[in-house]
């Protein structure tokens, strides 16, 4: 048994203590805030959390190794529930074309976009993809993220998708925790140009059984959008995955209203992501479902668009809202959840408390790991951050700044640590 750890002196301790499910409506503003709080950790788990006077007087606390968070905010590590971690090099040509006025669709037609990343990932070795992902994970740790969902989807053939998923599997013992998702249905590959139905058939009959047999993914995802896959194709794909016991996620309503959000609710998907173009009917469906509405304002910002997801309306309708970075090389090249919080507050009119809830406990529920992550409660994993701020509202307020002083995963100090600068 390792010596206990005591994180003490927190001016604001955000526990996110609450009900067992994702937070909705007014509950998203309740951070379980404790002034002058402390957390006691043993064997990687939280064993006590509460006011410093009570926790510090416990017998185990008196012999614990102390971490002094005096005057700072202590809170759960961020849970980033939507990333494209295995993604190769940045799409800099796309970036310049976009600055010059080209649309997302025009860039793709010119050979850029997703398929340009597919070419790069196909040309990379498993070792290189793993090394690049590890470097990115170090950046996530520096920015306070302790759990990361990571998609494949830049291979779109058997060899490269399996290569990408093996690279993710090699990260299973790292921090942040990596939760793998198979995004085979990202777009149709060149080999199936004009035959997206055939591609979906091949995925369902060949790839999904293989991925299930090898236990390479906890989720599958599909890009439901004109130019990618239709609602009917997404239904076939997610239905085949569900029959194999793999839960689904959907990229929905990013550039148009495709019907993906309604499909996510119909099929009981873990999350519907993007949602820039949801309408009142979609929001009502999400509000009365267990599907988490995951919003990705970083993509809207980087693409220079003006239409952000209607976070305020979704929350007021009663949907469970999460936030994620959408880390990827083309439309949201950021691992900073703090920047996502800033965009959520200034552009989507979420309150700072709602944004923090969306980026921690609701993100955990979007990954169906809310029982062990996303809040500081007894029995949960000791995944927490110490922030160089005296008030949690400073996190979104100081946009583009990283205020994270320390990141802890399973009770281990993972940032700063040897090799991280």
Foldseek 3Di string as FASTA:
>chain_A
DDQKEKEFAAQKEQFLDDDLAFDFFPSLLRRVIAGRKMFIDDQQFTADIHHCVVVCPDPSNVRHHYDYLHLFYKWFFFAFQAAALQFDAFQVVLLVVLVVPDAQVRCVVVVDDLQVSLVRLQPDALVVSLVSSVVVLLVLVLQRHQHYEHEHQSNLDDVSQVSNLVSQVVCCPDGSHYAYEYASQEAHHPVQVVNVVVSLVCCLVPVLVVCLVVVSHQAYEHEDDVRGHALVSVLSNQVSNVVSVHAYEYAAQQPHHRCGLVSCQVVVHLEHEAQLHDDPVSLLSQQPGNHAYEHACQLCVSSVHQGGHQVVVSRNSRHRYAYHQHCHNYRGPDSNLLQRLLCCCPRNVDQLSSHLSRRFQSSCSSVPNNVATRGRDGPHRPWMWIFQHSDSNVSSVPHPDRRTPWTATSNHTVPPDPPRD
